[in-house]
Amino acid sequence: MRYRIGESPELSTYGSTGDFVTFTVVLGILIGAALVWIGWRGRQWWLVSWNAGLVLAGLAWFAWTFWPGHA
């Protein structure tokens, strides 16, 4: 993303914050869990495996980000 001269990325209207990242990860976990269930019922194993990976990646992100003592 480009910024104008003298503009701080933190002050940008479209700047990303930790809240947006957290929301995106939570949304990915919820959608991934729903698609794992749908894939399991439909016996679509590629859908189960890809979305199980999405859920695990989201949970790993939470574990890494909110681990006690992690800066």
PDB file of N, CA and C in Angstrom:
ATOM      1  N   MET A   1       0.836  -1.171   0.000  1.00  0.00           N
ATOM      2  CA  MET A   1       0.000   0.000   0.000  1.00  0.00           C
ATOM      3  C   MET A   1       0.883   1.237   0.000  1.00  0.00           C
ATOM      4  N   ARG A   2       0.506   2.232  -0.769  1.00  0.00           N
ATOM      5  CA  ARG A   2       1.280   3.464  -0.839  1.00  0.00           C
ATOM      6  C   ARG A   2       0.634   4.531   0.027  1.00  0.00           C
ATOM      7  N   TYR A   3       1.475   5.388   0.553  1.00  0.00           N
ATOM      8  CA  TYR A   3       1.012   6.494   1.380  1.00  0.00           C
ATOM      9  C   TYR A   3       1.536   7.799   0.792  1.00  0.00           C
ATOM     10  N   ARG A   4       0.829   8.846   1.048  1.00  0.00           N
ATOM     11  CA  ARG A   4       1.289  10.155   0.600  1.00  0.00           C
ATOM     12  C   ARG A   4       2.483  10.583   1.430  1.00  0.00           C
ATOM     13  N   ILE A   5       3.257  11.491   0.888  1.00  0.00           N
ATOM     14  CA  ILE A   5       4.433  11.982   1.602  1.00  0.00           C
ATOM     15  C   ILE A   5       3.977  12.638   2.891  1.00  0.00           C
ATOM     16  N   GLY A   6       4.584  12.222   3.986  1.00  0.00           N
ATOM     17  CA  GLY A   6       4.254  12.777   5.292  1.00  0.00           C
ATOM     18  C   GLY A   6       3.080  12.104   5.982  1.00  0.00           C
ATOM     19  N   GLU A   7       2.412  11.165   5.313  1.00  0.00           N
ATOM     20  CA  GLU A   7       1.268  10.476   5.908  1.00  0.00           C
ATOM     21  C   GLU A   7       1.752   9.249   6.667  1.00  0.00           C
ATOM     22  N   SER A   8       1.252   9.067   7.855  1.00  0.00           N
ATOM     23  CA  SER A   8       1.619   7.923   8.670  1.00  0.00           C
ATOM     24  C   SER A   8       0.650   6.768   8.386  1.00  0.00           C
ATOM     25  N   PRO A   9       1.146   5.561   8.205  1.00  0.00           N
ATOM     26  CA  PRO A   9       0.252   4.429   7.946  1.00  0.00           C
ATOM     27  C   PRO A   9      -0.717   4.178   9.104  1.00  0.00           C
ATOM     28  N   GLU A  10      -0.319   4.496  10.316  1.00  0.00           N
ATOM     29  CA  GLU A  10      -1.179   4.266  11.469  1.00  0.00           C
ATOM     30  C   GLU A  10      -2.388   5.197  11.459  1.00  0.00           C
ATOM     31  N   LEU A  11      -2.255   6.348  10.826  1.00  0.00           N
ATOM     32  CA  LEU A  11      -3.335   7.325  10.811  1.00  0.00           C
ATOM     33  C   LEU A  11      -4.210   7.210   9.569  1.00  0.00           C
ATOM     34  N   SER A  12      -3.874   6.299   8.698  1.00  0.00           N
ATOM     35  CA  SER A  12      -4.622   6.133   7.459  1.00  0.00           C
ATOM     36  C   SER A  12      -6.025   5.613   7.757  1.00  0.00           C
ATOM     37  N   THR A  13      -6.975   6.013   6.947  1.00  0.00           N
ATOM     38  CA  THR A  13      -8.354   5.560   7.108  1.00  0.00           C
ATOM     39  C   THR A  13      -8.457   4.055   6.917  1.00  0.00           C
ATOM     40  N   TYR A  14      -7.648   3.517   6.015  1.00  0.00           N
ATOM     41  CA  TYR A  14      -7.730   2.103   5.698  1.00  0.00           C
ATOM     42  C   TYR A  14      -6.628   1.285   6.356  1.00  0.00           C
ATOM     43  N   GLY A  15      -6.011   1.820   7.367  1.00  0.00           N
ATOM     44  CA  GLY A  15      -4.953   1.095   8.051  1.00  0.00           C
ATOM     45  C   GLY A  15      -5.499  -0.126   8.780  1.00  0.00           C
ATOM     46  N   SER A  16      -4.728  -1.173   8.808  1.00  0.00           N
ATOM     47  CA  SER A  16      -5.139  -2.396   9.481  1.00  0.00           C
ATOM     48  C   SER A  16      -4.793  -2.310  10.961  1.00  0.00           C
ATOM     49  N   THR A  17      -5.688  -2.793  11.788  1.00  0.00           N
ATOM     50  CA  THR A  17      -5.439  -2.843  13.223  1.00  0.00           C
ATOM     51  C   THR A  17      -5.503  -4.293  13.677  1.00  0.00           C
ATOM     52  N   GLY A  18      -5.087  -4.507  14.907  1.00  0.00           N
ATOM     53  CA  GLY A  18      -5.147  -5.847  15.469  1.00  0.00           C
ATOM     54  C   GLY A  18      -6.565  -6.376  15.560  1.00  0.00           C
ATOM     55  N   ASP A  19      -7.541  -5.462  15.727  1.00  0.00           N
ATOM     56  CA  ASP A  19      -8.929  -5.891  15.810  1.00  0.00           C
ATOM     57  C   ASP A  19      -9.411  -6.498  14.491  1.00  0.00           C
ATOM     58  N   PHE A  20      -8.988  -5.923  13.373  1.00  0.00           N
ATOM     59  CA  PHE A  20      -9.373  -6.465  12.075  1.00  0.00           C
ATOM     60  C   PHE A  20      -8.749  -7.840  11.857  1.00  0.00           C
ATOM     61  N   VAL A  21      -7.516  -7.996  12.269  1.00  0.00           N
ATOM     62  CA  VAL A  21      -6.840  -9.286  12.103  1.00  0.00           C
ATOM     63  C   VAL A  21      -7.529 -10.342  12.963  1.00  0.00           C
ATOM     64  N   THR A  22      -7.834  -9.996  14.206  1.00  0.00           N
ATOM     65  CA  THR A  22      -8.510 -10.930  15.102  1.00  0.00           C
ATOM     66  C   THR A  22      -9.877 -11.319  14.538  1.00  0.00           C
ATOM     67  N   PHE A  23     -10.633 -10.328  14.040  1.00  0.00           N
ATOM     68  CA  PHE A  23     -11.936 -10.610  13.446  1.00  0.00           C
ATOM     69  C   PHE A  23     -11.801 -11.546  12.252  1.00  0.00           C
ATOM     70  N   THR A  24     -10.798 -11.319  11.412  1.00  0.00           N
ATOM     71  CA  THR A  24     -10.588 -12.155  10.233  1.00  0.00           C
ATOM     72  C   THR A  24     -10.253 -13.584  10.628  1.00  0.00           C
ATOM     73  N   VAL A  25      -9.429 -13.758  11.657  1.00  0.00           N
ATOM     74  CA  VAL A  25      -9.061 -15.103  12.099  1.00  0.00           C
ATOM     75  C   VAL A  25     -10.269 -15.816  12.694  1.00  0.00           C
ATOM     76  N   VAL A  26     -11.058 -15.112  13.515  1.00  0.00           N
ATOM     77  CA  VAL A  26     -12.259 -15.723  14.095  1.00  0.00           C
ATOM     78  C   VAL A  26     -13.238 -16.117  12.997  1.00  0.00           C
ATOM     79  N   LEU A  27     -13.430 -15.236  12.023  1.00  0.00           N
ATOM     80  CA  LEU A  27     -14.320 -15.538  10.905  1.00  0.00           C
ATOM     81  C   LEU A  27     -13.811 -16.745  10.110  1.00  0.00           C
ATOM     82  N   GLY A  28     -12.509 -16.822   9.897  1.00  0.00           N
ATOM     83  CA  GLY A  28     -11.929 -17.971   9.195  1.00  0.00           C
ATOM     84  C   GLY A  28     -12.142 -19.271   9.954  1.00  0.00           C
ATOM     85  N   ILE A  29     -12.016 -19.223  11.282  1.00  0.00           N
ATOM     86  CA  ILE A  29     -12.240 -20.426  12.091  1.00  0.00           C
ATOM     87  C   ILE A  29     -13.698 -20.872  12.001  1.00  0.00           C
ATOM     88  N   LEU A  30     -14.630 -19.923  12.098  1.00  0.00           N
ATOM     89  CA  LEU A  30     -16.052 -20.272  12.038  1.00  0.00           C
ATOM     90  C   LEU A  30     -16.450 -20.821  10.664  1.00  0.00           C
ATOM     91  N   ILE A  31     -16.015 -20.150   9.611  1.00  0.00           N
ATOM     92  CA  ILE A  31     -16.325 -20.626   8.261  1.00  0.00           C
ATOM     93  C   ILE A  31     -15.644 -21.966   8.002  1.00  0.00           C
ATOM     94  N   GLY A  32     -14.401 -22.100   8.448  1.00  0.00           N
ATOM     95  CA  GLY A  32     -13.685 -23.361   8.268  1.00  0.00           C
ATOM     96  C   GLY A  32     -14.367 -24.511   8.985  1.00  0.00           C
ATOM     97  N   ALA A  33     -14.845 -24.271  10.209  1.00  0.00           N
ATOM     98  CA  ALA A  33     -15.537 -25.321  10.964  1.00  0.00           C
ATOM     99  C   ALA A  33     -16.835 -25.718  10.267  1.00  0.00           C
ATOM    100  N   ALA A  34     -17.571 -24.733   9.754  1.00  0.00           N
ATOM    101  CA  ALA A  34     -18.810 -25.040   9.036  1.00  0.00           C
ATOM    102  C   ALA A  34     -18.524 -25.853   7.771  1.00  0.00           C
ATOM    103  N   LEU A  35     -17.472 -25.490   7.049  1.00  0.00           N
ATOM    104  CA  LEU A  35     -17.148 -26.211   5.827  1.00  0.00           C
ATOM    105  C   LEU A  35     -16.569 -27.597   6.100  1.00  0.00           C
ATOM    106  N   VAL A  36     -15.920 -27.782   7.255  1.00  0.00           N
ATOM    107  CA  VAL A  36     -15.484 -29.130   7.640  1.00  0.00           C
ATOM    108  C   VAL A  36     -16.712 -30.013   7.835  1.00  0.00           C
ATOM    109  N   TRP A  37     -17.715 -29.475   8.527  1.00  0.00           N
ATOM    110  CA  TRP A  37     -18.938 -30.236   8.774  1.00  0.00           C
ATOM    111  C   TRP A  37     -19.654 -30.565   7.461  1.00  0.00           C
ATOM    112  N   ILE A  38     -19.778 -29.565   6.577  1.00  0.00           N
ATOM    113  CA  ILE A  38     -20.438 -29.778   5.293  1.00  0.00           C
ATOM    114  C   ILE A  38     -19.654 -30.797   4.454  1.00  0.00           C
ATOM    115  N   GLY A  39     -18.341 -30.684   4.445  1.00  0.00           N
ATOM    116  CA  GLY A  39     -17.513 -31.631   3.699  1.00  0.00           C
ATOM    117  C   GLY A  39     -17.607 -33.035   4.248  1.00  0.00           C
ATOM    118  N   TRP A  40     -17.696 -33.157   5.560  1.00  0.00           N
ATOM    119  CA  TRP A  40     -17.797 -34.473   6.193  1.00  0.00           C
ATOM    120  C   TRP A  40     -19.113 -35.140   5.812  1.00  0.00           C
ATOM    121  N   ARG A  41     -20.190 -34.364   5.867  1.00  0.00           N
ATOM    122  CA  ARG A  41     -21.507 -34.916   5.515  1.00  0.00           C
ATOM    123  C   ARG A  41     -21.589 -35.264   4.027  1.00  0.00           C
ATOM    124  N   GLY A  42     -20.935 -34.492   3.190  1.00  0.00           N
ATOM    125  CA  GLY A  42     -20.951 -34.744   1.759  1.00  0.00           C
ATOM    126  C   GLY A  42     -19.844 -35.650   1.286  1.00  0.00           C
ATOM    127  N   ARG A  43     -19.018 -36.123   2.202  1.00  0.00           N
ATOM    128  CA  ARG A  43     -17.882 -37.003   1.877  1.00  0.00           C
ATOM    129  C   ARG A  43     -16.939 -36.372   0.852  1.00  0.00           C
ATOM    130  N   GLN A  44     -16.716 -35.086   1.035  1.00  0.00           N
ATOM    131  CA  GLN A  44     -15.775 -34.356   0.190  1.00  0.00           C
ATOM    132  C   GLN A  44     -14.502 -34.148   1.015  1.00  0.00           C
ATOM    133  N   TRP A  45     -13.584 -35.086   0.917  1.00  0.00           N
ATOM    134  CA  TRP A  45     -12.443 -35.125   1.825  1.00  0.00           C
ATOM    135  C   TRP A  45     -11.464 -33.990   1.566  1.00  0.00           C
ATOM    136  N   TRP A  46     -11.389 -33.482   0.340  1.00  0.00           N
ATOM    137  CA  TRP A  46     -10.538 -32.331   0.078  1.00  0.00           C
ATOM    138  C   TRP A  46     -11.057 -31.109   0.828  1.00  0.00           C
ATOM    139  N   LEU A  47     -12.382 -30.962   0.910  1.00  0.00           N
ATOM    140  CA  LEU A  47     -12.973 -29.840   1.626  1.00  0.00           C
ATOM    141  C   LEU A  47     -12.704 -29.962   3.121  1.00  0.00           C
ATOM    142  N   VAL A  48     -12.795 -31.168   3.640  1.00  0.00           N
ATOM    143  CA  VAL A  48     -12.507 -31.406   5.060  1.00  0.00           C
ATOM    144  C   VAL A  48     -11.050 -31.083   5.360  1.00  0.00           C
ATOM    145  N   SER A  49     -10.139 -31.567   4.525  1.00  0.00           N
ATOM    146  CA  SER A  49      -8.716 -31.374   4.824  1.00  0.00           C
ATOM    147  C   SER A  49      -8.298 -29.910   4.702  1.00  0.00           C
ATOM    148  N   TRP A  50      -8.747 -29.204   3.660  1.00  0.00           N
ATOM    149  CA  TRP A  50      -8.366 -27.799   3.504  1.00  0.00           C
ATOM    150  C   TRP A  50      -8.904 -26.950   4.648  1.00  0.00           C
ATOM    151  N   ASN A  51     -10.138 -27.180   5.038  1.00  0.00           N
ATOM    152  CA  ASN A  51     -10.736 -26.342   6.068  1.00  0.00           C
ATOM    153  C   ASN A  51     -10.302 -26.754   7.467  1.00  0.00           C
ATOM    154  N   ALA A  52      -9.948 -27.999   7.662  1.00  0.00           N
ATOM    155  CA  ALA A  52      -9.340 -28.388   8.931  1.00  0.00           C
ATOM    156  C   ALA A  52      -7.999 -27.669   9.083  1.00  0.00           C
ATOM    157  N   GLY A  53      -7.277 -27.547   7.979  1.00  0.00           N
ATOM    158  CA  GLY A  53      -6.026 -26.782   8.000  1.00  0.00           C
ATOM    159  C   GLY A  53      -6.264 -25.318   8.314  1.00  0.00           C
ATOM    160  N   LEU A  54      -7.340 -24.740   7.770  1.00  0.00           N
ATOM    161  CA  LEU A  54      -7.686 -23.352   8.071  1.00  0.00           C
ATOM    162  C   LEU A  54      -7.994 -23.171   9.549  1.00  0.00           C
ATOM    163  N   VAL A  55      -8.767 -24.075  10.116  1.00  0.00           N
ATOM    164  CA  VAL A  55      -9.116 -23.997  11.540  1.00  0.00           C
ATOM    165  C   VAL A  55      -7.859 -24.155  12.393  1.00  0.00           C
ATOM    166  N   LEU A  56      -7.011 -25.108  12.068  1.00  0.00           N
ATOM    167  CA  LEU A  56      -5.780 -25.317  12.838  1.00  0.00           C
ATOM    168  C   LEU A  56      -4.845 -24.108  12.734  1.00  0.00           C
ATOM    169  N   ALA A  57      -4.758 -23.511  11.557  1.00  0.00           N
ATOM    170  CA  ALA A  57      -3.918 -22.324  11.398  1.00  0.00           C
ATOM    171  C   ALA A  57      -4.463 -21.161  12.233  1.00  0.00           C
ATOM    172  N   GLY A  58      -5.769 -20.994  12.260  1.00  0.00           N
ATOM    173  CA  GLY A  58      -6.366 -19.944  13.076  1.00  0.00           C
ATOM    174  C   GLY A  58      -6.130 -20.169  14.560  1.00  0.00           C
ATOM    175  N   LEU A  59      -6.290 -21.408  14.999  1.00  0.00           N
ATOM    176  CA  LEU A  59      -6.045 -21.719  16.406  1.00  0.00           C
ATOM    177  C   LEU A  59      -4.565 -21.552  16.763  1.00  0.00           C
ATOM    178  N   ALA A  60      -3.685 -21.908  15.838  1.00  0.00           N
ATOM    179  CA  ALA A  60      -2.254 -21.714  16.074  1.00  0.00           C
ATOM    180  C   ALA A  60      -1.925 -20.228  16.174  1.00  0.00           C
ATOM    181  N   TRP A  61      -2.582 -19.408  15.351  1.00  0.00           N
ATOM    182  CA  TRP A  61      -2.365 -17.962  15.421  1.00  0.00           C
ATOM    183  C   TRP A  61      -2.781 -17.429  16.793  1.00  0.00           C
ATOM    184  N   PHE A  62      -3.950 -17.869  17.285  1.00  0.00           N
ATOM    185  CA  PHE A  62      -4.395 -17.446  18.611  1.00  0.00           C
ATOM    186  C   PHE A  62      -3.419 -17.906  19.691  1.00  0.00           C
ATOM    187  N   ALA A  63      -2.958 -19.145  19.596  1.00  0.00           N
ATOM    188  CA  ALA A  63      -2.021 -19.657  20.598  1.00  0.00           C
ATOM    189  C   ALA A  63      -0.727 -18.847  20.583  1.00  0.00           C
ATOM    190  N   TRP A  64      -0.235 -18.502  19.407  1.00  0.00           N
ATOM    191  CA  TRP A  64       1.007 -17.744  19.291  1.00  0.00           C
ATOM    192  C   TRP A  64       0.828 -16.305  19.762  1.00  0.00           C
ATOM    193  N   THR A  65      -0.283 -15.698  19.401  1.00  0.00           N
ATOM    194  CA  THR A  65      -0.502 -14.284  19.693  1.00  0.00           C
ATOM    195  C   THR A  65      -0.813 -14.044  21.173  1.00  0.00           C
ATOM    196  N   PHE A  66      -1.630 -14.893  21.758  1.00  0.00           N
ATOM    197  CA  PHE A  66      -2.094 -14.658  23.118  1.00  0.00           C
ATOM    198  C   PHE A  66      -1.434 -15.539  24.152  1.00  0.00           C
ATOM    199  N   TRP A  67      -0.321 -16.174  23.788  1.00  0.00           N
ATOM    200  CA  TRP A  67       0.423 -17.011  24.734  1.00  0.00           C
ATOM    201  C   TRP A  67       0.986 -16.130  25.857  1.00  0.00           C
ATOM    202  N   PRO A  68       0.838 -16.537  27.112  1.00  0.00           N
ATOM    203  CA  PRO A  68       1.370 -15.714  28.206  1.00  0.00           C
ATOM    204  C   PRO A  68       2.875 -15.479  28.059  1.00  0.00           C
ATOM    205  N   GLY A  69       3.281 -14.242  28.188  1.00  0.00           N
ATOM    206  CA  GLY A  69       4.691 -13.889  28.089  1.00  0.00           C
ATOM    207  C   GLY A  69       5.135 -13.583  26.684  1.00  0.00           C
ATOM    208  N   HIS A  70       4.285 -13.776  25.695  1.00  0.00           N
ATOM    209  CA  HIS A  70       4.646 -13.457  24.316  1.00  0.00           C
ATOM    210  C   HIS A  70       4.488 -11.965  24.083  1.00  0.00           C
ATOM    211  N   ALA A  71       5.515 -11.355  23.550  1.00  0.00           N
ATOM    212  CA  ALA A  71       5.468  -9.901  23.348  1.00  0.00           C
ATOM    213  C   ALA A  71       4.974  -9.540  21.976  1.00  0.00           C
TER     214      ALA A  71
END
